Amino acid sequence: MENKVTAIIDVLKQRYQDAPCALHYKKDYELMISVRLAAQCTDARVNLITPALFAAYPTLEAMAGADISHVEKLVHSCGFYKHKARDIVLACQMLISEYGGKVPGTMEELLRIPGVGRKTANLLLGDLYNVPGSVVCDTHCIRICGRLGLSKGKEPEKVEHQLRKILPPEESSDFCHRIVLFGREICTARSPKCSECPLALYCNEINGQSQ
Protein backbone atom coordinates (compact mmCIF):
# COMPACT_ATOMS: atom_id res chain seq x y z
CA MET A 1 0.00 0.00 0.00
CA GLU A 2 2.84 2.41 0.82
CA ASN A 3 4.26 2.15 -2.70
CA LYS A 4 0.81 2.62 -4.21
CA VAL A 5 0.14 5.72 -2.12
CA THR A 6 3.52 7.20 -3.06
CA ALA A 7 2.89 6.56 -6.74
CA ILE A 8 -0.57 8.15 -6.62
CA ILE A 9 0.78 11.21 -4.81
CA ASP A 10 3.55 11.57 -7.39
CA VAL A 11 1.11 11.41 -10.32
CA LEU A 12 -1.14 14.03 -8.74
CA LYS A 13 1.85 16.27 -8.00
CA GLN A 14 2.99 16.09 -11.61
CA ARG A 15 -0.47 16.94 -12.91
CA TYR A 16 -1.27 19.64 -10.34
CA GLN A 17 2.01 21.19 -9.23
CA ASP A 18 0.23 23.83 -7.23
CA ALA A 19 -2.40 22.73 -4.74
CA PRO A 20 -4.26 25.88 -3.73
CA CYS A 21 -7.54 26.00 -1.91
CA ALA A 22 -10.24 26.77 -4.48
CA LEU A 23 -11.96 29.25 -2.15
CA HIS A 24 -10.90 32.90 -2.32
CA TYR A 25 -10.01 34.64 0.93
CA LYS A 26 -7.60 37.18 2.40
CA LYS A 27 -8.17 36.75 6.14
CA ASP A 28 -8.34 33.64 8.29
CA TYR A 29 -11.97 34.12 9.27
CA GLU A 30 -12.93 34.68 5.62
CA LEU A 31 -11.76 31.16 4.84
CA MET A 32 -13.81 29.85 7.77
CA ILE A 33 -16.88 31.63 6.38
CA SER A 34 -16.27 30.46 2.82
CA VAL A 35 -15.95 26.83 3.87
CA ARG A 36 -19.24 27.08 5.76
CA LEU A 37 -20.93 28.51 2.69
CA ALA A 38 -19.47 25.75 0.51
CA ALA A 39 -21.49 23.03 2.26
CA GLN A 40 -23.88 21.60 -0.34
CA CYS A 41 -22.70 24.31 -2.73
CA THR A 42 -19.91 24.67 -5.29
CA ASP A 43 -16.73 26.58 -4.54
CA ALA A 44 -17.34 28.58 -7.72
CA ARG A 45 -20.71 29.77 -6.44
CA VAL A 46 -19.21 30.70 -3.07
CA ASN A 47 -16.50 32.75 -4.77
CA LEU A 48 -19.19 34.71 -6.59
CA ILE A 49 -21.01 35.49 -3.35
CA THR A 50 -18.27 36.29 -0.86
CA PRO A 51 -16.95 39.54 -2.42
CA ALA A 52 -20.25 41.31 -1.68
CA LEU A 53 -20.49 39.71 1.77
CA PHE A 54 -16.95 40.71 2.73
CA ALA A 55 -17.46 44.20 1.31
CA ALA A 56 -20.63 44.68 3.37
CA TYR A 57 -18.85 43.47 6.52
CA PRO A 58 -15.15 44.21 5.99
CA THR A 59 -13.92 43.29 9.47
CA LEU A 60 -14.44 40.43 11.89
CA GLU A 61 -16.15 42.84 14.28
CA ALA A 62 -18.52 44.01 11.56
CA MET A 63 -19.40 40.43 10.65
CA ALA A 64 -19.98 39.55 14.30
CA GLY A 65 -22.39 42.46 14.60
CA ALA A 66 -24.17 41.80 11.33
CA ASP A 67 -27.93 41.59 10.99
CA ILE A 68 -28.48 37.88 10.32
CA SER A 69 -31.42 38.62 8.01
CA HIS A 70 -29.17 40.79 5.85
CA VAL A 71 -26.51 38.09 5.74
CA GLU A 72 -29.25 35.66 4.67
CA LYS A 73 -29.97 37.84 1.64
CA LEU A 74 -26.31 38.03 0.69
CA VAL A 75 -25.77 34.26 0.88
CA HIS A 76 -29.21 33.17 -0.29
CA SER A 77 -28.02 31.49 -3.50
CA CYS A 78 -25.65 29.20 -1.56
CA GLY A 79 -28.57 27.16 -0.25
CA PHE A 80 -29.42 26.47 3.40
CA TYR A 81 -28.91 30.21 3.76
CA LYS A 82 -30.70 30.60 7.10
CA HIS A 83 -28.48 28.06 8.86
CA LYS A 84 -25.35 29.37 7.16
CA ALA A 85 -26.04 33.04 7.95
CA ARG A 86 -26.70 32.25 11.60
CA ASP A 87 -23.57 30.11 11.91
CA ILE A 88 -21.40 32.77 10.27
CA VAL A 89 -22.46 35.52 12.65
CA LEU A 90 -22.28 33.32 15.75
CA ALA A 91 -18.89 31.93 14.70
CA CYS A 92 -17.45 35.41 14.31
CA GLN A 93 -18.83 36.38 17.70
CA MET A 94 -17.10 33.36 19.25
CA LEU A 95 -13.79 34.22 17.59
CA ILE A 96 -13.92 37.60 19.28
CA SER A 97 -15.24 36.50 22.68
CA GLU A 98 -13.18 33.34 23.14
CA TYR A 99 -10.28 33.21 20.69
CA GLY A 100 -8.86 36.71 20.59
CA GLY A 101 -10.18 37.44 17.13
CA LYS A 102 -8.26 34.63 15.45
CA VAL A 103 -9.33 31.30 14.01
CA PRO A 104 -7.92 28.80 16.54
CA GLY A 105 -5.32 26.25 15.56
CA THR A 106 -6.49 23.04 17.19
CA MET A 107 -9.18 20.55 16.23
CA GLU A 108 -10.75 20.69 19.69
CA GLU A 109 -11.14 24.47 19.62
CA LEU A 110 -12.39 24.57 16.04
CA LEU A 111 -15.11 22.01 16.66
CA ARG A 112 -16.63 24.30 19.30
CA ILE A 113 -17.35 26.96 16.69
CA PRO A 114 -20.88 27.05 15.20
CA GLY A 115 -20.99 25.47 11.77
CA VAL A 116 -17.50 23.94 11.98
CA GLY A 117 -17.28 20.18 11.57
CA ARG A 118 -14.27 17.95 11.04
CA LYS A 119 -14.03 18.62 7.30
CA THR A 120 -13.96 22.38 7.85
CA ALA A 121 -11.60 22.07 10.79
CA ASN A 122 -9.14 19.94 8.83
CA LEU A 123 -9.15 22.39 5.94
CA LEU A 124 -8.53 25.34 8.27
CA LEU A 125 -5.73 23.51 10.08
CA GLY A 126 -4.05 22.54 6.82
CA ASP A 127 -4.41 25.84 4.96
CA LEU A 128 -3.98 28.32 7.79
CA TYR A 129 -1.54 26.48 10.03
CA ASN A 130 0.06 23.79 7.83
CA VAL A 131 -0.80 21.17 10.45
CA PRO A 132 0.52 17.75 9.28
CA GLY A 133 -2.08 15.05 8.87
CA SER A 134 -4.94 17.38 7.97
CA VAL A 135 -7.28 15.27 5.83
CA VAL A 136 -10.26 17.02 4.24
CA CYS A 137 -12.84 14.36 3.43
CA ASP A 138 -15.21 15.96 0.97
CA THR A 139 -17.27 14.09 -1.64
CA HIS A 140 -14.41 14.09 -4.16
CA CYS A 141 -11.99 12.60 -1.64
CA ILE A 142 -14.40 9.91 -0.47
CA ARG A 143 -15.41 8.92 -4.01
CA ILE A 144 -11.93 8.84 -5.53
CA CYS A 145 -10.09 7.25 -2.61
CA GLY A 146 -12.75 4.54 -2.61
CA ARG A 147 -12.23 3.91 -6.31
CA LEU A 148 -8.48 3.77 -5.81
CA GLY A 149 -8.79 1.34 -2.92
CA LEU A 150 -7.28 3.76 -0.43
CA SER A 151 -10.38 3.75 1.73
CA LYS A 152 -13.65 1.91 2.27
CA GLY A 153 -17.10 3.26 3.00
CA LYS A 154 -18.62 6.69 2.61
CA GLU A 155 -18.67 8.02 6.17
CA PRO A 156 -16.38 11.07 6.20
CA GLU A 157 -14.88 10.53 9.64
CA LYS A 158 -14.13 6.86 8.98
CA VAL A 159 -12.52 7.66 5.63
CA GLU A 160 -10.51 10.44 7.28
CA HIS A 161 -9.07 8.03 9.84
CA GLN A 162 -8.27 5.45 7.15
CA LEU A 163 -6.41 8.04 5.08
CA ARG A 164 -4.53 9.36 8.11
CA LYS A 165 -2.99 5.90 8.50
CA ILE A 166 -1.62 5.74 4.96
CA LEU A 167 -0.94 9.31 3.79
CA PRO A 168 2.37 10.95 4.72
CA PRO A 169 1.31 13.66 7.22
CA GLU A 170 3.20 16.40 5.37
CA GLU A 171 1.42 15.52 2.11
CA SER A 172 -2.13 15.06 3.34
CA SER A 173 -3.50 18.59 2.99
CA ASP A 174 -2.12 19.13 -0.53
CA PHE A 175 -3.21 15.61 -1.49
CA CYS A 176 -6.80 16.49 -0.64
CA HIS A 177 -6.68 19.72 -2.65
CA ARG A 178 -5.25 17.83 -5.63
CA ILE A 179 -7.92 15.16 -5.32
CA VAL A 180 -10.56 17.88 -5.66
CA LEU A 181 -8.92 19.17 -8.85
CA PHE A 182 -8.65 15.60 -10.16
CA GLY A 183 -12.28 14.91 -9.28
CA ARG A 184 -13.45 17.93 -11.25
CA GLU A 185 -11.27 17.26 -14.27
CA ILE A 186 -11.09 13.46 -14.64
CA CYS A 187 -12.69 11.33 -11.94
CA THR A 188 -16.13 12.91 -11.93
CA ALA A 189 -19.02 11.36 -10.06
CA ARG A 190 -21.27 10.46 -13.00
CA SER A 191 -19.08 10.22 -16.10
CA PRO A 192 -15.45 9.63 -15.13
CA LYS A 193 -12.99 9.94 -17.99
CA CYS A 194 -11.43 6.55 -17.39
CA SER A 195 -9.75 6.39 -20.80
CA GLU A 196 -7.82 9.57 -19.95
CA CYS A 197 -7.11 8.76 -16.32
CA PRO A 198 -3.44 8.91 -15.26
CA LEU A 199 -4.33 6.82 -12.21
CA ALA A 200 -6.08 4.04 -14.15
CA LEU A 201 -3.37 1.57 -13.15
CA TYR A 202 -4.36 1.97 -9.50
CA CYS A 203 -8.15 2.11 -9.89
CA ASN A 204 -10.12 -0.81 -8.47
CA GLU A 205 -13.16 -0.05 -10.59
CA ILE A 206 -11.26 0.02 -13.87
CA ASN A 207 -9.32 -3.11 -12.97
CA GLY A 208 -12.34 -4.98 -11.66
CA GLN A 209 -11.09 -5.37 -8.12
CA SER A 210 -13.38 -5.39 -5.10
CA GLN A 211 -13.45 -2.26 -3.00
C-alpha atoms as a PDB file:
ATOM      1  CA  MET A   1       0.000   0.000   0.000  1.00  0.00           C
ATOM      2  CA  GLU A   2       2.840   2.411   0.824  1.00  0.00           C
ATOM      3  CA  ASN A   3       4.258   2.146  -2.701  1.00  0.00           C
ATOM      4  CA  LYS A   4       0.812   2.620  -4.206  1.00  0.00           C
ATOM      5  CA  VAL A   5       0.136   5.724  -2.121  1.00  0.00           C
ATOM      6  CA  THR A   6       3.520   7.202  -3.058  1.00  0.00           C
ATOM      7  CA  ALA A   7       2.889   6.556  -6.742  1.00  0.00           C
ATOM      8  CA  ILE A   8      -0.573   8.153  -6.623  1.00  0.00           C
ATOM      9  CA  ILE A   9       0.780  11.208  -4.815  1.00  0.00           C
ATOM     10  CA  ASP A  10       3.553  11.571  -7.394  1.00  0.00           C
ATOM     11  CA  VAL A  11       1.113  11.410 -10.320  1.00  0.00           C
ATOM     12  CA  LEU A  12      -1.136  14.030  -8.742  1.00  0.00           C
ATOM     13  CA  LYS A  13       1.851  16.272  -8.001  1.00  0.00           C
ATOM     14  CA  GLN A  14       2.986  16.087 -11.608  1.00  0.00           C
ATOM     15  CA  ARG A  15      -0.472  16.936 -12.910  1.00  0.00           C
ATOM     16  CA  TYR A  16      -1.265  19.640 -10.340  1.00  0.00           C
ATOM     17  CA  GLN A  17       2.012  21.192  -9.233  1.00  0.00           C
ATOM     18  CA  ASP A  18       0.228  23.833  -7.226  1.00  0.00           C
ATOM     19  CA  ALA A  19      -2.399  22.733  -4.738  1.00  0.00           C
ATOM     20  CA  PRO A  20      -4.263  25.881  -3.729  1.00  0.00           C
ATOM     21  CA  CYS A  21      -7.540  26.004  -1.911  1.00  0.00           C
ATOM     22  CA  ALA A  22     -10.245  26.774  -4.476  1.00  0.00           C
ATOM     23  CA  LEU A  23     -11.955  29.246  -2.152  1.00  0.00           C
ATOM     24  CA  HIS A  24     -10.900  32.898  -2.319  1.00  0.00           C
ATOM     25  CA  TYR A  25     -10.007  34.642   0.929  1.00  0.00           C
ATOM     26  CA  LYS A  26      -7.598  37.178   2.396  1.00  0.00           C
ATOM     27  CA  LYS A  27      -8.168  36.752   6.137  1.00  0.00           C
ATOM     28  CA  ASP A  28      -8.342  33.642   8.286  1.00  0.00           C
ATOM     29  CA  TYR A  29     -11.971  34.118   9.274  1.00  0.00           C
ATOM     30  CA  GLU A  30     -12.926  34.683   5.618  1.00  0.00           C
ATOM     31  CA  LEU A  31     -11.758  31.155   4.841  1.00  0.00           C
ATOM     32  CA  MET A  32     -13.806  29.847   7.772  1.00  0.00           C
ATOM     33  CA  ILE A  33     -16.875  31.630   6.384  1.00  0.00           C
ATOM     34  CA  SER A  34     -16.266  30.459   2.820  1.00  0.00           C
ATOM     35  CA  VAL A  35     -15.951  26.831   3.867  1.00  0.00           C
ATOM     36  CA  ARG A  36     -19.239  27.076   5.759  1.00  0.00           C
ATOM     37  CA  LEU A  37     -20.932  28.510   2.689  1.00  0.00           C
ATOM     38  CA  ALA A  38     -19.473  25.752   0.514  1.00  0.00           C
ATOM     39  CA  ALA A  39     -21.490  23.029   2.260  1.00  0.00           C
ATOM     40  CA  GLN A  40     -23.883  21.598  -0.344  1.00  0.00           C
ATOM     41  CA  CYS A  41     -22.700  24.310  -2.727  1.00  0.00           C
ATOM     42  CA  THR A  42     -19.913  24.670  -5.286  1.00  0.00           C
ATOM     43  CA  ASP A  43     -16.730  26.584  -4.543  1.00  0.00           C
ATOM     44  CA  ALA A  44     -17.336  28.581  -7.718  1.00  0.00           C
ATOM     45  CA  ARG A  45     -20.712  29.771  -6.439  1.00  0.00           C
ATOM     46  CA  VAL A  46     -19.207  30.698  -3.070  1.00  0.00           C
ATOM     47  CA  ASN A  47     -16.499  32.754  -4.774  1.00  0.00           C
ATOM     48  CA  LEU A  48     -19.194  34.713  -6.589  1.00  0.00           C
ATOM     49  CA  ILE A  49     -21.010  35.493  -3.351  1.00  0.00           C
ATOM     50  CA  THR A  50     -18.271  36.292  -0.857  1.00  0.00           C
ATOM     51  CA  PRO A  51     -16.945  39.541  -2.420  1.00  0.00           C
ATOM     52  CA  ALA A  52     -20.252  41.308  -1.683  1.00  0.00           C
ATOM     53  CA  LEU A  53     -20.487  39.705   1.767  1.00  0.00           C
ATOM     54  CA  PHE A  54     -16.950  40.715   2.731  1.00  0.00           C
ATOM     55  CA  ALA A  55     -17.460  44.199   1.310  1.00  0.00           C
ATOM     56  CA  ALA A  56     -20.629  44.680   3.367  1.00  0.00           C
ATOM     57  CA  TYR A  57     -18.851  43.475   6.523  1.00  0.00           C
ATOM     58  CA  PRO A  58     -15.147  44.205   5.992  1.00  0.00           C
ATOM     59  CA  THR A  59     -13.916  43.286   9.471  1.00  0.00           C
ATOM     60  CA  LEU A  60     -14.436  40.430  11.892  1.00  0.00           C
ATOM     61  CA  GLU A  61     -16.150  42.840  14.275  1.00  0.00           C
ATOM     62  CA  ALA A  62     -18.520  44.008  11.563  1.00  0.00           C
ATOM     63  CA  MET A  63     -19.399  40.427  10.651  1.00  0.00           C
ATOM     64  CA  ALA A  64     -19.975  39.546  14.298  1.00  0.00           C
ATOM     65  CA  GLY A  65     -22.390  42.460  14.598  1.00  0.00           C
ATOM     66  CA  ALA A  66     -24.172  41.798  11.329  1.00  0.00           C
ATOM     67  CA  ASP A  67     -27.933  41.585  10.991  1.00  0.00           C
ATOM     68  CA  ILE A  68     -28.485  37.877  10.323  1.00  0.00           C
ATOM     69  CA  SER A  69     -31.422  38.623   8.015  1.00  0.00           C
ATOM     70  CA  HIS A  70     -29.169  40.791   5.850  1.00  0.00           C
ATOM     71  CA  VAL A  71     -26.506  38.091   5.739  1.00  0.00           C
ATOM     72  CA  GLU A  72     -29.247  35.660   4.671  1.00  0.00           C
ATOM     73  CA  LYS A  73     -29.972  37.845   1.644  1.00  0.00           C
ATOM     74  CA  LEU A  74     -26.308  38.033   0.690  1.00  0.00           C
ATOM     75  CA  VAL A  75     -25.766  34.260   0.882  1.00  0.00           C
ATOM     76  CA  HIS A  76     -29.214  33.168  -0.289  1.00  0.00           C
ATOM     77  CA  SER A  77     -28.024  31.491  -3.503  1.00  0.00           C
ATOM     78  CA  CYS A  78     -25.652  29.203  -1.561  1.00  0.00           C
ATOM     79  CA  GLY A  79     -28.570  27.163  -0.249  1.00  0.00           C
ATOM     80  CA  PHE A  80     -29.417  26.473   3.397  1.00  0.00           C
ATOM     81  CA  TYR A  81     -28.915  30.211   3.761  1.00  0.00           C
ATOM     82  CA  LYS A  82     -30.702  30.602   7.101  1.00  0.00           C
ATOM     83  CA  HIS A  83     -28.476  28.064   8.861  1.00  0.00           C
ATOM     84  CA  LYS A  84     -25.348  29.371   7.164  1.00  0.00           C
ATOM     85  CA  ALA A  85     -26.038  33.036   7.951  1.00  0.00           C
ATOM     86  CA  ARG A  86     -26.697  32.247  11.599  1.00  0.00           C
ATOM     87  CA  ASP A  87     -23.572  30.108  11.911  1.00  0.00           C
ATOM     88  CA  ILE A  88     -21.404  32.767  10.271  1.00  0.00           C
ATOM     89  CA  VAL A  89     -22.463  35.520  12.651  1.00  0.00           C
ATOM     90  CA  LEU A  90     -22.281  33.320  15.753  1.00  0.00           C
ATOM     91  CA  ALA A  91     -18.895  31.926  14.705  1.00  0.00           C
ATOM     92  CA  CYS A  92     -17.450  35.413  14.306  1.00  0.00           C
ATOM     93  CA  GLN A  93     -18.835  36.376  17.700  1.00  0.00           C
ATOM     94  CA  MET A  94     -17.104  33.355  19.252  1.00  0.00           C
ATOM     95  CA  LEU A  95     -13.795  34.216  17.588  1.00  0.00           C
ATOM     96  CA  ILE A  96     -13.921  37.601  19.285  1.00  0.00           C
ATOM     97  CA  SER A  97     -15.239  36.498  22.678  1.00  0.00           C
ATOM     98  CA  GLU A  98     -13.180  33.335  23.141  1.00  0.00           C
ATOM     99  CA  TYR A  99     -10.283  33.209  20.693  1.00  0.00           C
ATOM    100  CA  GLY A 100      -8.857  36.710  20.593  1.00  0.00           C
ATOM    101  CA  GLY A 101     -10.185  37.444  17.133  1.00  0.00           C
ATOM    102  CA  LYS A 102      -8.264  34.626  15.450  1.00  0.00           C
ATOM    103  CA  VAL A 103      -9.331  31.304  14.009  1.00  0.00           C
ATOM    104  CA  PRO A 104      -7.923  28.804  16.538  1.00  0.00           C
ATOM    105  CA  GLY A 105      -5.321  26.252  15.563  1.00  0.00           C
ATOM    106  CA  THR A 106      -6.488  23.036  17.195  1.00  0.00           C
ATOM    107  CA  MET A 107      -9.178  20.550  16.232  1.00  0.00           C
ATOM    108  CA  GLU A 108     -10.754  20.691  19.688  1.00  0.00           C
ATOM    109  CA  GLU A 109     -11.136  24.469  19.618  1.00  0.00           C
ATOM    110  CA  LEU A 110     -12.387  24.569  16.042  1.00  0.00           C
ATOM    111  CA  LEU A 111     -15.110  22.006  16.659  1.00  0.00           C
ATOM    112  CA  ARG A 112     -16.628  24.299  19.297  1.00  0.00           C
ATOM    113  CA  ILE A 113     -17.352  26.959  16.686  1.00  0.00           C
ATOM    114  CA  PRO A 114     -20.885  27.052  15.204  1.00  0.00           C
ATOM    115  CA  GLY A 115     -20.987  25.466  11.767  1.00  0.00           C
ATOM    116  CA  VAL A 116     -17.498  23.939  11.976  1.00  0.00           C
ATOM    117  CA  GLY A 117     -17.280  20.180  11.568  1.00  0.00           C
ATOM    118  CA  ARG A 118     -14.271  17.947  11.038  1.00  0.00           C
ATOM    119  CA  LYS A 119     -14.031  18.622   7.298  1.00  0.00           C
ATOM    120  CA  THR A 120     -13.965  22.379   7.846  1.00  0.00           C
ATOM    121  CA  ALA A 121     -11.601  22.067  10.789  1.00  0.00           C
ATOM    122  CA  ASN A 122      -9.138  19.941   8.831  1.00  0.00           C
ATOM    123  CA  LEU A 123      -9.146  22.393   5.943  1.00  0.00           C
ATOM    124  CA  LEU A 124      -8.529  25.339   8.265  1.00  0.00           C
ATOM    125  CA  LEU A 125      -5.732  23.505  10.082  1.00  0.00           C
ATOM    126  CA  GLY A 126      -4.053  22.539   6.815  1.00  0.00           C
ATOM    127  CA  ASP A 127      -4.413  25.837   4.963  1.00  0.00           C
ATOM    128  CA  LEU A 128      -3.982  28.323   7.790  1.00  0.00           C
ATOM    129  CA  TYR A 129      -1.543  26.477  10.026  1.00  0.00           C
ATOM    130  CA  ASN A 130       0.059  23.789   7.835  1.00  0.00           C
ATOM    131  CA  VAL A 131      -0.795  21.169  10.448  1.00  0.00           C
ATOM    132  CA  PRO A 132       0.523  17.753   9.284  1.00  0.00           C
ATOM    133  CA  GLY A 133      -2.084  15.054   8.873  1.00  0.00           C
ATOM    134  CA  SER A 134      -4.944  17.382   7.969  1.00  0.00           C
ATOM    135  CA  VAL A 135      -7.282  15.267   5.830  1.00  0.00           C
ATOM    136  CA  VAL A 136     -10.264  17.016   4.237  1.00  0.00           C
ATOM    137  CA  CYS A 137     -12.843  14.357   3.435  1.00  0.00           C
ATOM    138  CA  ASP A 138     -15.214  15.958   0.966  1.00  0.00           C
ATOM    139  CA  THR A 139     -17.266  14.094  -1.636  1.00  0.00           C
ATOM    140  CA  HIS A 140     -14.412  14.090  -4.158  1.00  0.00           C
ATOM    141  CA  CYS A 141     -11.994  12.605  -1.639  1.00  0.00           C
ATOM    142  CA  ILE A 142     -14.400   9.912  -0.471  1.00  0.00           C
ATOM    143  CA  ARG A 143     -15.412   8.918  -4.005  1.00  0.00           C
ATOM    144  CA  ILE A 144     -11.930   8.837  -5.532  1.00  0.00           C
ATOM    145  CA  CYS A 145     -10.092   7.252  -2.612  1.00  0.00           C
ATOM    146  CA  GLY A 146     -12.750   4.543  -2.610  1.00  0.00           C
ATOM    147  CA  ARG A 147     -12.234   3.914  -6.312  1.00  0.00           C
ATOM    148  CA  LEU A 148      -8.482   3.769  -5.812  1.00  0.00           C
ATOM    149  CA  GLY A 149      -8.790   1.338  -2.924  1.00  0.00           C
ATOM    150  CA  LEU A 150      -7.281   3.761  -0.433  1.00  0.00           C
ATOM    151  CA  SER A 151     -10.382   3.748   1.729  1.00  0.00           C
ATOM    152  CA  LYS A 152     -13.648   1.909   2.269  1.00  0.00           C
ATOM    153  CA  GLY A 153     -17.095   3.255   2.999  1.00  0.00           C
ATOM    154  CA  LYS A 154     -18.616   6.691   2.613  1.00  0.00           C
ATOM    155  CA  GLU A 155     -18.673   8.022   6.170  1.00  0.00           C
ATOM    156  CA  PRO A 156     -16.377  11.074   6.201  1.00  0.00           C
ATOM    157  CA  GLU A 157     -14.880  10.529   9.644  1.00  0.00           C
ATOM    158  CA  LYS A 158     -14.125   6.858   8.982  1.00  0.00           C
ATOM    159  CA  VAL A 159     -12.520   7.657   5.627  1.00  0.00           C
ATOM    160  CA  GLU A 160     -10.515  10.437   7.281  1.00  0.00           C
ATOM    161  CA  HIS A 161      -9.072   8.025   9.839  1.00  0.00           C
ATOM    162  CA  GLN A 162      -8.270   5.450   7.145  1.00  0.00           C
ATOM    163  CA  LEU A 163      -6.406   8.040   5.083  1.00  0.00           C
ATOM    164  CA  ARG A 164      -4.532   9.360   8.107  1.00  0.00           C
ATOM    165  CA  LYS A 165      -2.993   5.904   8.501  1.00  0.00           C
ATOM    166  CA  ILE A 166      -1.616   5.735   4.962  1.00  0.00           C
ATOM    167  CA  LEU A 167      -0.943   9.313   3.794  1.00  0.00           C
ATOM    168  CA  PRO A 168       2.368  10.949   4.718  1.00  0.00           C
ATOM    169  CA  PRO A 169       1.308  13.659   7.219  1.00  0.00           C
ATOM    170  CA  GLU A 170       3.204  16.398   5.372  1.00  0.00           C
ATOM    171  CA  GLU A 171       1.425  15.516   2.110  1.00  0.00           C
ATOM    172  CA  SER A 172      -2.135  15.056   3.338  1.00  0.00           C
ATOM    173  CA  SER A 173      -3.497  18.594   2.986  1.00  0.00           C
ATOM    174  CA  ASP A 174      -2.124  19.129  -0.532  1.00  0.00           C
ATOM    175  CA  PHE A 175      -3.209  15.608  -1.492  1.00  0.00           C
ATOM    176  CA  CYS A 176      -6.802  16.495  -0.643  1.00  0.00           C
ATOM    177  CA  HIS A 177      -6.675  19.725  -2.651  1.00  0.00           C
ATOM    178  CA  ARG A 178      -5.247  17.832  -5.631  1.00  0.00           C
ATOM    179  CA  ILE A 179      -7.918  15.158  -5.319  1.00  0.00           C
ATOM    180  CA  VAL A 180     -10.562  17.881  -5.658  1.00  0.00           C
ATOM    181  CA  LEU A 181      -8.922  19.166  -8.854  1.00  0.00           C
ATOM    182  CA  PHE A 182      -8.647  15.605 -10.157  1.00  0.00           C
ATOM    183  CA  GLY A 183     -12.281  14.914  -9.279  1.00  0.00           C
ATOM    184  CA  ARG A 184     -13.451  17.931 -11.249  1.00  0.00           C
ATOM    185  CA  GLU A 185     -11.267  17.257 -14.273  1.00  0.00           C
ATOM    186  CA  ILE A 186     -11.089  13.459 -14.638  1.00  0.00           C
ATOM    187  CA  CYS A 187     -12.692  11.325 -11.943  1.00  0.00           C
ATOM    188  CA  THR A 188     -16.130  12.908 -11.928  1.00  0.00           C
ATOM    189  CA  ALA A 189     -19.024  11.359 -10.063  1.00  0.00           C
ATOM    190  CA  ARG A 190     -21.273  10.460 -13.000  1.00  0.00           C
ATOM    191  CA  SER A 191     -19.080  10.218 -16.101  1.00  0.00           C
ATOM    192  CA  PRO A 192     -15.450   9.634 -15.125  1.00  0.00           C
ATOM    193  CA  LYS A 193     -12.987   9.940 -17.993  1.00  0.00           C
ATOM    194  CA  CYS A 194     -11.428   6.546 -17.385  1.00  0.00           C
ATOM    195  CA  SER A 195      -9.745   6.390 -20.796  1.00  0.00           C
ATOM    196  CA  GLU A 196      -7.822   9.574 -19.953  1.00  0.00           C
ATOM    197  CA  CYS A 197      -7.109   8.757 -16.319  1.00  0.00           C
ATOM    198  CA  PRO A 198      -3.439   8.912 -15.258  1.00  0.00           C
ATOM    199  CA  LEU A 199      -4.332   6.817 -12.208  1.00  0.00           C
ATOM    200  CA  ALA A 200      -6.079   4.036 -14.151  1.00  0.00           C
ATOM    201  CA  LEU A 201      -3.373   1.571 -13.149  1.00  0.00           C
ATOM    202  CA  TYR A 202      -4.360   1.974  -9.499  1.00  0.00           C
ATOM    203  CA  CYS A 203      -8.145   2.113  -9.891  1.00  0.00           C
ATOM    204  CA  ASN A 204     -10.116  -0.811  -8.469  1.00  0.00           C
ATOM    205  CA  GLU A 205     -13.164  -0.048 -10.590  1.00  0.00           C
ATOM    206  CA  ILE A 206     -11.261   0.023 -13.865  1.00  0.00           C
ATOM    207  CA  ASN A 207      -9.319  -3.105 -12.971  1.00  0.00           C
ATOM    208  CA  GLY A 208     -12.337  -4.981 -11.662  1.00  0.00           C
ATOM    209  CA  GLN A 209     -11.092  -5.366  -8.119  1.00  0.00           C
ATOM    210  CA  SER A 210     -13.377  -5.393  -5.104  1.00  0.00           C
ATOM    211  CA  GLN A 211     -13.447  -2.259  -3.000  1.00  0.00           C
END
